[in-house]
Amino acid sequence: MLLQILEQFRDLVIDKNTLIQLLPLELKK
């Protein structure tokens, strides 16, 4: 159960990091 929550949290963090990396590219357009 806890492991599942941790995996979901990790996925969220990865998504957030991806967004942070993509954001400057969007702003440059």
PDB file of N, CA and C in Angstrom:
ATOM      1  N   MET A   1       0.839  -1.205   0.000  1.00  0.00           N
ATOM      2  CA  MET A   1       0.000   0.000   0.000  1.00  0.00           C
ATOM      3  C   MET A   1       0.872   1.254   0.000  1.00  0.00           C
ATOM      4  N   LEU A   2       1.779   1.309   0.958  1.00  0.00           N
ATOM      5  CA  LEU A   2       2.668   2.471   1.049  1.00  0.00           C
ATOM      6  C   LEU A   2       3.543   2.569  -0.202  1.00  0.00           C
ATOM      7  N   LEU A   3       3.990   1.421  -0.673  1.00  0.00           N
ATOM      8  CA  LEU A   3       4.839   1.400  -1.865  1.00  0.00           C
ATOM      9  C   LEU A   3       4.106   2.004  -3.057  1.00  0.00           C
ATOM     10  N   GLN A   4       2.822   1.681  -3.152  1.00  0.00           N
ATOM     11  CA  GLN A   4       2.012   2.216  -4.250  1.00  0.00           C
ATOM     12  C   GLN A   4       1.961   3.738  -4.190  1.00  0.00           C
ATOM     13  N   ILE A   5       1.768   4.260  -2.998  1.00  0.00           N
ATOM     14  CA  ILE A   5       1.710   5.715  -2.816  1.00  0.00           C
ATOM     15  C   ILE A   5       3.050   6.340  -3.202  1.00  0.00           C
ATOM     16  N   LEU A   6       4.122   5.708  -2.799  1.00  0.00           N
ATOM     17  CA  LEU A   6       5.453   6.228  -3.122  1.00  0.00           C
ATOM     18  C   LEU A   6       5.680   6.228  -4.636  1.00  0.00           C
ATOM     19  N   GLU A   7       5.226   5.181  -5.289  1.00  0.00           N
ATOM     20  CA  GLU A   7       5.401   5.118  -6.743  1.00  0.00           C
ATOM     21  C   GLU A   7       4.601   6.212  -7.434  1.00  0.00           C
ATOM     22  N   GLN A   8       3.387   6.444  -6.960  1.00  0.00           N
ATOM     23  CA  GLN A   8       2.571   7.512  -7.541  1.00  0.00           C
ATOM     24  C   GLN A   8       3.219   8.865  -7.299  1.00  0.00           C
ATOM     25  N   PHE A   9       3.750   9.047  -6.108  1.00  0.00           N
ATOM     26  CA  PHE A   9       4.400  10.309  -5.770  1.00  0.00           C
ATOM     27  C   PHE A   9       5.620  10.528  -6.655  1.00  0.00           C
ATOM     28  N   ARG A  10       6.377   9.456  -6.859  1.00  0.00           N
ATOM     29  CA  ARG A  10       7.562   9.545  -7.713  1.00  0.00           C
ATOM     30  C   ARG A  10       7.161   9.932  -9.135  1.00  0.00           C
ATOM     31  N   ASP A  11       6.079   9.333  -9.615  1.00  0.00           N
ATOM     32  CA  ASP A  11       5.602   9.668 -10.960  1.00  0.00           C
ATOM     33  C   ASP A  11       5.205  11.138 -11.040  1.00  0.00           C
ATOM     34  N   LEU A  12       4.583  11.634  -9.988  1.00  0.00           N
ATOM     35  CA  LEU A  12       4.183  13.045  -9.954  1.00  0.00           C
ATOM     36  C   LEU A  12       5.412  13.943  -9.997  1.00  0.00           C
ATOM     37  N   VAL A  13       6.417  13.580  -9.236  1.00  0.00           N
ATOM     38  CA  VAL A  13       7.648  14.383  -9.201  1.00  0.00           C
ATOM     39  C   VAL A  13       8.303  14.387 -10.580  1.00  0.00           C
ATOM     40  N   ILE A  14       8.322  13.239 -11.222  1.00  0.00           N
ATOM     41  CA  ILE A  14       8.906  13.147 -12.558  1.00  0.00           C
ATOM     42  C   ILE A  14       8.118  14.020 -13.528  1.00  0.00           C
ATOM     43  N   ASP A  15       6.791  13.984 -13.425  1.00  0.00           N
ATOM     44  CA  ASP A  15       5.955  14.820 -14.293  1.00  0.00           C
ATOM     45  C   ASP A  15       6.248  16.299 -14.054  1.00  0.00           C
ATOM     46  N   LYS A  16       6.398  16.658 -12.787  1.00  0.00           N
ATOM     47  CA  LYS A  16       6.662  18.064 -12.452  1.00  0.00           C
ATOM     48  C   LYS A  16       8.011  18.492 -13.017  1.00  0.00           C
ATOM     49  N   ASN A  17       9.013  17.626 -12.891  1.00  0.00           N
ATOM     50  CA  ASN A  17      10.336  17.953 -13.417  1.00  0.00           C
ATOM     51  C   ASN A  17      10.285  18.107 -14.936  1.00  0.00           C
ATOM     52  N   THR A  18       9.504  17.271 -15.569  1.00  0.00           N
ATOM     53  CA  THR A  18       9.367  17.362 -17.022  1.00  0.00           C
ATOM     54  C   THR A  18       8.722  18.688 -17.403  1.00  0.00           C
ATOM     55  N   LEU A  19       7.700  19.077 -16.655  1.00  0.00           N
ATOM     56  CA  LEU A  19       7.032  20.357 -16.915  1.00  0.00           C
ATOM     57  C   LEU A  19       7.996  21.516 -16.734  1.00  0.00           C
ATOM     58  N   ILE A  20       8.787  21.456 -15.680  1.00  0.00           N
ATOM     59  CA  ILE A  20       9.742  22.533 -15.401  1.00  0.00           C
ATOM     60  C   ILE A  20      10.754  22.642 -16.539  1.00  0.00           C
ATOM     61  N   GLN A  21      11.129  21.501 -17.111  1.00  0.00           N
ATOM     62  CA  GLN A  21      12.086  21.522 -18.217  1.00  0.00           C
ATOM     63  C   GLN A  21      11.442  22.037 -19.501  1.00  0.00           C
ATOM     64  N   LEU A  22      10.158  21.712 -19.683  1.00  0.00           N
ATOM     65  CA  LEU A  22       9.469  22.123 -20.910  1.00  0.00           C
ATOM     66  C   LEU A  22       9.026  23.578 -20.872  1.00  0.00           C
ATOM     67  N   LEU A  23       8.807  24.095 -19.695  1.00  0.00           N
ATOM     68  CA  LEU A  23       8.284  25.454 -19.561  1.00  0.00           C
ATOM     69  C   LEU A  23       9.161  26.508 -20.245  1.00  0.00           C
ATOM     70  N   PRO A  24      10.460  26.517 -20.021  1.00  0.00           N
ATOM     71  CA  PRO A  24      11.306  27.519 -20.694  1.00  0.00           C
ATOM     72  C   PRO A  24      11.206  27.414 -22.221  1.00  0.00           C
ATOM     73  N   LEU A  25      11.056  26.199 -22.725  1.00  0.00           N
ATOM     74  CA  LEU A  25      10.914  26.028 -24.170  1.00  0.00           C
ATOM     75  C   LEU A  25       9.629  26.684 -24.653  1.00  0.00           C
ATOM     76  N   GLU A  26       8.579  26.545 -23.884  1.00  0.00           N
ATOM     77  CA  GLU A  26       7.295  27.161 -24.244  1.00  0.00           C
ATOM     78  C   GLU A  26       7.390  28.683 -24.189  1.00  0.00           C
ATOM     79  N   LEU A  27       8.112  29.180 -23.206  1.00  0.00           N
ATOM     80  CA  LEU A  27       8.221  30.631 -23.036  1.00  0.00           C
ATOM     81  C   LEU A  27       9.037  31.270 -24.155  1.00  0.00           C
ATOM     82  N   LYS A  28       9.959  30.520 -24.730  1.00  0.00           N
ATOM     83  CA  LYS A  28      10.814  31.065 -25.791  1.00  0.00           C
ATOM     84  C   LYS A  28      10.049  31.274 -27.088  1.00  0.00           C
ATOM     85  N   LYS A  29       8.993  30.517 -27.278  1.00  0.00           N
ATOM     86  CA  LYS A  29       8.250  30.588 -28.543  1.00  0.00           C
ATOM     87  C   LYS A  29       7.645  31.971 -28.777  1.00  0.00           C
TER      88      LYS A  29
END
